[in-house]
C-alpha atoms as a PDB file:
ATOM      1  CA  MET A   1       0.000   0.000   0.000  1.00  0.00           C
ATOM      2  CA  ARG A   2       2.853   2.421   0.803  1.00  0.00           C
ATOM      3  CA  LEU A   3       4.405   1.685  -2.566  1.00  0.00           C
ATOM      4  CA  LEU A   4       1.123   2.434  -4.298  1.00  0.00           C
ATOM      5  CA  ILE A   5       0.757   5.726  -2.433  1.00  0.00           C
ATOM      6  CA  ALA A   6       4.382   6.640  -3.207  1.00  0.00           C
ATOM      7  CA  LEU A   7       3.902   5.872  -6.911  1.00  0.00           C
ATOM      8  CA  PHE A   8       0.682   7.875  -7.028  1.00  0.00           C
ATOM      9  CA  THR A   9       2.359  10.831  -5.295  1.00  0.00           C
ATOM     10  CA  LEU A  10       5.358  10.697  -7.620  1.00  0.00           C
ATOM     11  CA  THR A  11       3.145  10.464 -10.702  1.00  0.00           C
ATOM     12  CA  PHE A  12       1.005  13.365  -9.489  1.00  0.00           C
ATOM     13  CA  CYS A  13       4.066  15.523  -8.759  1.00  0.00           C
ATOM     14  CA  LEU A  14       5.654  14.792 -12.129  1.00  0.00           C
ATOM     15  CA  HIS A  15       2.357  15.474 -13.919  1.00  0.00           C
ATOM     16  CA  ALA A  16       1.855  18.735 -12.011  1.00  0.00           C
ATOM     17  CA  GLN A  17       5.422  19.790 -12.753  1.00  0.00           C
ATOM     18  CA  ALA A  18       4.948  19.076 -16.459  1.00  0.00           C
ATOM     19  CA  GLN A  19       1.882  21.353 -16.457  1.00  0.00           C
ATOM     20  CA  LYS A  20       3.754  24.400 -15.153  1.00  0.00           C
ATOM     21  CA  ILE A  21       4.506  27.259 -17.519  1.00  0.00           C
ATOM     22  CA  GLU A  22       8.178  28.081 -17.849  1.00  0.00           C
ATOM     23  CA  TRP A  23       8.316  31.852 -18.126  1.00  0.00           C
ATOM     24  CA  MET A  24      11.231  33.594 -19.811  1.00  0.00           C
ATOM     25  CA  SER A  25      12.418  37.146 -20.322  1.00  0.00           C
ATOM     26  CA  PHE A  26      11.475  39.071 -23.436  1.00  0.00           C
ATOM     27  CA  GLU A  27      15.091  38.972 -24.623  1.00  0.00           C
ATOM     28  CA  ALA A  28      15.306  35.192 -24.116  1.00  0.00           C
ATOM     29  CA  ALA A  29      12.113  34.664 -26.143  1.00  0.00           C
ATOM     30  CA  ILE A  30      13.391  36.824 -29.005  1.00  0.00           C
ATOM     31  CA  ASP A  31      16.682  34.925 -28.923  1.00  0.00           C
ATOM     32  CA  ALA A  32      14.939  31.521 -28.870  1.00  0.00           C
ATOM     33  CA  GLN A  33      12.707  32.591 -31.738  1.00  0.00           C
ATOM     34  CA  ALA A  34      15.711  33.746 -33.807  1.00  0.00           C
ATOM     35  CA  LYS A  35      17.638  30.501 -33.236  1.00  0.00           C
ATOM     36  CA  ALA A  36      14.766  28.060 -33.839  1.00  0.00           C
ATOM     37  CA  ASP A  37      14.356  26.178 -37.109  1.00  0.00           C
ATOM     38  CA  GLN A  38      10.601  26.392 -36.600  1.00  0.00           C
ATOM     39  CA  PRO A  39      10.023  29.339 -34.255  1.00  0.00           C
ATOM     40  CA  LYS A  40       6.934  29.649 -32.128  1.00  0.00           C
ATOM     41  CA  LYS A  41       4.870  32.758 -31.552  1.00  0.00           C
ATOM     42  CA  ILE A  42       5.549  34.828 -28.443  1.00  0.00           C
ATOM     43  CA  PHE A  43       2.996  35.323 -25.681  1.00  0.00           C
ATOM     44  CA  ILE A  44       3.594  38.169 -23.225  1.00  0.00           C
ATOM     45  CA  ASP A  45       1.834  38.572 -19.899  1.00  0.00           C
ATOM     46  CA  VAL A  46       2.165  42.272 -19.038  1.00  0.00           C
ATOM     47  CA  TYR A  47       1.624  42.660 -15.308  1.00  0.00           C
ATOM     48  CA  THR A  48       2.501  44.840 -12.318  1.00  0.00           C
ATOM     49  CA  ASP A  49       3.396  43.790  -8.793  1.00  0.00           C
ATOM     50  CA  TRP A  50       0.407  45.626  -7.306  1.00  0.00           C
ATOM     51  CA  CYS A  51      -2.219  44.234  -9.733  1.00  0.00           C
ATOM     52  CA  GLY A  52      -4.662  41.896  -7.987  1.00  0.00           C
ATOM     53  CA  TRP A  53      -6.232  40.719 -11.265  1.00  0.00           C
ATOM     54  CA  CYS A  54      -2.741  39.852 -12.547  1.00  0.00           C
ATOM     55  CA  LYS A  55      -2.194  37.627  -9.515  1.00  0.00           C
ATOM     56  CA  LYS A  56      -5.628  36.047  -9.993  1.00  0.00           C
ATOM     57  CA  MET A  57      -4.843  35.307 -13.652  1.00  0.00           C
ATOM     58  CA  ASP A  58      -1.509  33.747 -12.637  1.00  0.00           C
ATOM     59  CA  LYS A  59      -3.199  31.556 -10.052  1.00  0.00           C
ATOM     60  CA  GLU A  60      -6.353  30.538 -11.923  1.00  0.00           C
ATOM     61  CA  THR A  61      -5.538  30.776 -15.618  1.00  0.00           C
ATOM     62  CA  PHE A  62      -1.821  30.173 -16.087  1.00  0.00           C
ATOM     63  CA  ASN A  63      -1.778  27.397 -13.477  1.00  0.00           C
ATOM     64  CA  ASN A  64      -4.622  25.572 -15.250  1.00  0.00           C
ATOM     65  CA  PRO A  65      -3.149  22.345 -16.732  1.00  0.00           C
ATOM     66  CA  GLU A  66      -4.929  22.699 -20.102  1.00  0.00           C
ATOM     67  CA  VAL A  67      -3.745  26.305 -20.451  1.00  0.00           C
ATOM     68  CA  ALA A  68      -0.195  25.490 -19.375  1.00  0.00           C
ATOM     69  CA  VAL A  69       0.218  22.592 -21.809  1.00  0.00           C
ATOM     70  CA  TYR A  70      -1.278  24.433 -24.765  1.00  0.00           C
ATOM     71  CA  MET A  71       0.665  27.627 -24.172  1.00  0.00           C
ATOM     72  CA  GLN A  72       4.013  25.851 -23.699  1.00  0.00           C
ATOM     73  CA  GLN A  73       3.486  23.946 -26.959  1.00  0.00           C
ATOM     74  CA  HIS A  74       2.560  26.969 -29.085  1.00  0.00           C
ATOM     75  CA  PHE A  75       4.337  29.972 -27.576  1.00  0.00           C
ATOM     76  CA  TYR A  76       7.499  31.237 -25.975  1.00  0.00           C
ATOM     77  CA  MET A  77       6.073  32.448 -22.674  1.00  0.00           C
ATOM     78  CA  VAL A  78       7.157  35.881 -21.393  1.00  0.00           C
ATOM     79  CA  LYS A  79       6.399  37.786 -18.205  1.00  0.00           C
ATOM     80  CA  LEU A  80       6.919  41.537 -18.622  1.00  0.00           C
ATOM     81  CA  ASP A  81       6.623  43.946 -15.708  1.00  0.00           C
ATOM     82  CA  GLY A  82       4.729  46.954 -17.078  1.00  0.00           C
ATOM     83  CA  GLU A  83       6.610  49.107 -14.589  1.00  0.00           C
ATOM     84  CA  GLY A  84       9.964  47.343 -14.867  1.00  0.00           C
ATOM     85  CA  LYS A  85      13.114  49.424 -14.531  1.00  0.00           C
ATOM     86  CA  LYS A  86      15.472  47.318 -16.681  1.00  0.00           C
ATOM     87  CA  PRO A  87      16.103  48.648 -20.200  1.00  0.00           C
ATOM     88  CA  ILE A  88      15.276  46.203 -23.009  1.00  0.00           C
ATOM     89  CA  VAL A  89      16.888  46.385 -26.436  1.00  0.00           C
ATOM     90  CA  PHE A  90      14.657  45.232 -29.282  1.00  0.00           C
ATOM     91  CA  ARG A  91      15.316  45.740 -32.983  1.00  0.00           C
ATOM     92  CA  GLY A  92      18.079  48.226 -32.287  1.00  0.00           C
ATOM     93  CA  LYS A  93      16.005  50.436 -29.978  1.00  0.00           C
ATOM     94  CA  THR A  94      16.411  50.669 -26.237  1.00  0.00           C
ATOM     95  CA  PHE A  95      13.121  50.687 -24.341  1.00  0.00           C
ATOM     96  CA  SER A  96      13.393  52.139 -20.832  1.00  0.00           C
ATOM     97  CA  PHE A  97      11.397  52.944 -17.745  1.00  0.00           C
ATOM     98  CA  VAL A  98       9.583  56.282 -17.907  1.00  0.00           C
ATOM     99  CA  PRO A  99       8.848  57.976 -14.578  1.00  0.00           C
ATOM    100  CA  SER A 100       5.274  59.205 -14.793  1.00  0.00           C
ATOM    101  CA  GLY A 101       2.568  59.710 -12.206  1.00  0.00           C
ATOM    102  CA  ARG A 102       2.772  57.460  -9.167  1.00  0.00           C
ATOM    103  CA  ASN A 103       4.473  54.448 -10.704  1.00  0.00           C
ATOM    104  CA  GLY A 104       5.702  55.152 -14.222  1.00  0.00           C
ATOM    105  CA  TYR A 105       5.781  52.614 -17.046  1.00  0.00           C
ATOM    106  CA  HIS A 106       8.132  50.655 -19.253  1.00  0.00           C
ATOM    107  CA  GLU A 107       8.233  51.887 -22.860  1.00  0.00           C
ATOM    108  CA  LEU A 108       8.171  48.363 -24.329  1.00  0.00           C
ATOM    109  CA  ALA A 109       5.096  47.420 -22.314  1.00  0.00           C
ATOM    110  CA  ALA A 110       3.345  50.645 -23.328  1.00  0.00           C
ATOM    111  CA  GLY A 111       4.191  50.006 -26.993  1.00  0.00           C
ATOM    112  CA  LEU A 112       2.975  46.407 -26.887  1.00  0.00           C
ATOM    113  CA  MET A 113      -0.258  47.548 -25.233  1.00  0.00           C
ATOM    114  CA  GLN A 114      -0.624  50.306 -27.844  1.00  0.00           C
ATOM    115  CA  GLY A 115      -0.525  52.992 -25.172  1.00  0.00           C
ATOM    116  CA  GLN A 116      -3.396  51.521 -23.140  1.00  0.00           C
ATOM    117  CA  LEU A 117      -1.777  50.906 -19.748  1.00  0.00           C
ATOM    118  CA  SER A 118      -4.237  48.350 -18.398  1.00  0.00           C
ATOM    119  CA  TYR A 119      -3.193  45.394 -16.263  1.00  0.00           C
ATOM    120  CA  PRO A 120      -3.278  42.556 -16.864  1.00  0.00           C
ATOM    121  CA  THR A 121      -2.879  42.669 -20.621  1.00  0.00           C
ATOM    122  CA  VAL A 122      -1.681  39.703 -22.632  1.00  0.00           C
ATOM    123  CA  VAL A 123       0.049  40.281 -25.943  1.00  0.00           C
ATOM    124  CA  PHE A 124       0.459  37.934 -28.890  1.00  0.00           C
ATOM    125  CA  LEU A 125       3.375  38.254 -31.319  1.00  0.00           C
ATOM    126  CA  ASN A 126       3.821  36.187 -34.474  1.00  0.00           C
ATOM    127  CA  GLU A 127       6.864  34.071 -35.395  1.00  0.00           C
ATOM    128  CA  GLN A 128       8.715  37.210 -36.543  1.00  0.00           C
ATOM    129  CA  ALA A 129       8.013  39.017 -33.241  1.00  0.00           C
ATOM    130  CA  GLU A 130       5.470  41.294 -34.912  1.00  0.00           C
ATOM    131  CA  LEU A 131       2.477  42.443 -32.903  1.00  0.00           C
ATOM    132  CA  LEU A 132      -0.693  40.454 -33.517  1.00  0.00           C
ATOM    133  CA  SER A 133      -2.821  41.908 -30.742  1.00  0.00           C
ATOM    134  CA  PRO A 134      -2.914  43.019 -27.125  1.00  0.00           C
ATOM    135  CA  VAL A 135      -5.828  41.562 -25.146  1.00  0.00           C
ATOM    136  CA  PRO A 136      -6.558  43.535 -21.965  1.00  0.00           C
ATOM    137  CA  GLY A 137      -8.212  42.279 -18.817  1.00  0.00           C
ATOM    138  CA  TYR A 138      -8.515  39.232 -16.634  1.00  0.00           C
ATOM    139  CA  HIS A 139      -9.555  36.031 -18.434  1.00  0.00           C
ATOM    140  CA  PRO A 140     -10.382  32.778 -16.607  1.00  0.00           C
ATOM    141  CA  PRO A 141      -9.293  29.562 -18.354  1.00  0.00           C
ATOM    142  CA  GLU A 142     -12.612  29.011 -20.125  1.00  0.00           C
ATOM    143  CA  SER A 143     -12.509  32.411 -21.870  1.00  0.00           C
ATOM    144  CA  PHE A 144      -8.714  32.488 -22.239  1.00  0.00           C
ATOM    145  CA  MET A 145      -8.381  29.251 -24.224  1.00  0.00           C
ATOM    146  CA  PRO A 146     -10.435  30.408 -27.235  1.00  0.00           C
ATOM    147  CA  ILE A 147      -8.300  33.562 -27.402  1.00  0.00           C
ATOM    148  CA  ALA A 148      -5.083  31.537 -27.171  1.00  0.00           C
ATOM    149  CA  ARG A 149      -6.278  29.124 -29.870  1.00  0.00           C
ATOM    150  CA  PHE A 150      -7.354  31.984 -32.143  1.00  0.00           C
ATOM    151  CA  PHE A 151      -3.712  33.066 -32.316  1.00  0.00           C
ATOM    152  CA  GLY A 152      -1.922  29.790 -31.557  1.00  0.00           C
ATOM    153  CA  ASP A 153      -3.770  27.778 -34.212  1.00  0.00           C
ATOM    154  CA  ASN A 154      -3.536  30.627 -36.780  1.00  0.00           C
ATOM    155  CA  HIS A 155      -7.293  31.252 -37.004  1.00  0.00           C
ATOM    156  CA  TYR A 156      -6.480  34.976 -37.051  1.00  0.00           C
ATOM    157  CA  LYS A 157      -5.043  34.499 -40.559  1.00  0.00           C
ATOM    158  CA  THR A 158      -8.364  33.390 -42.076  1.00  0.00           C
ATOM    159  CA  SER A 159     -11.054  34.731 -39.764  1.00  0.00           C
ATOM    160  CA  THR A 160     -12.023  37.744 -37.708  1.00  0.00           C
ATOM    161  CA  TRP A 161     -12.401  37.243 -33.966  1.00  0.00           C
ATOM    162  CA  GLU A 162     -16.152  37.758 -34.303  1.00  0.00           C
ATOM    163  CA  ASP A 163     -16.500  35.087 -37.022  1.00  0.00           C
ATOM    164  CA  TYR A 164     -14.263  32.730 -35.053  1.00  0.00           C
ATOM    165  CA  GLN A 165     -16.523  33.108 -32.032  1.00  0.00           C
ATOM    166  CA  LYS A 166     -19.651  32.521 -34.124  1.00  0.00           C
ATOM    167  CA  LYS A 167     -18.177  29.248 -35.387  1.00  0.00           C
ATOM    168  CA  GLY A 168     -18.076  27.981 -31.828  1.00  0.00           C
ATOM    169  CA  ALA A 169     -14.569  28.862 -30.698  1.00  0.00           C
ATOM    170  CA  ARG A 170     -13.440  26.650 -27.851  1.00  0.00           C
END
């Protein structure tokens, strides 16, 4: 009986570990994309440390096994602090922190969110690191997966979001 419990525990732990998203920096994702024979798209979770909805999305959406497996398979996964202080060089331009108001913002995050500083916002980039779309707001797993599949499965190339939804996006 102990052996059975030990095997079950080990299997559960390995399965849970395999479901966890491995986040990377923006620079690491760009580098991985450039070096890959068949690059993946890039997914960016733009968050702030003070954002309660960001924490809720981390806990409920990104820790969901279905979400984690799908996202790891189709995207390089990036966490980007919308108020981060570290400069990021992308395509020959240095993006920096801009002091503004109470907290300020990071130029790259603001650019990816098209100037709409709303947290959380997730951003999808194609295989050439070109902006597909920012998607603002908290999304639980059941509403997040259709969005992820719209971009991850290339539906955006042949359909509008509205038509995709009408066809029964899941």
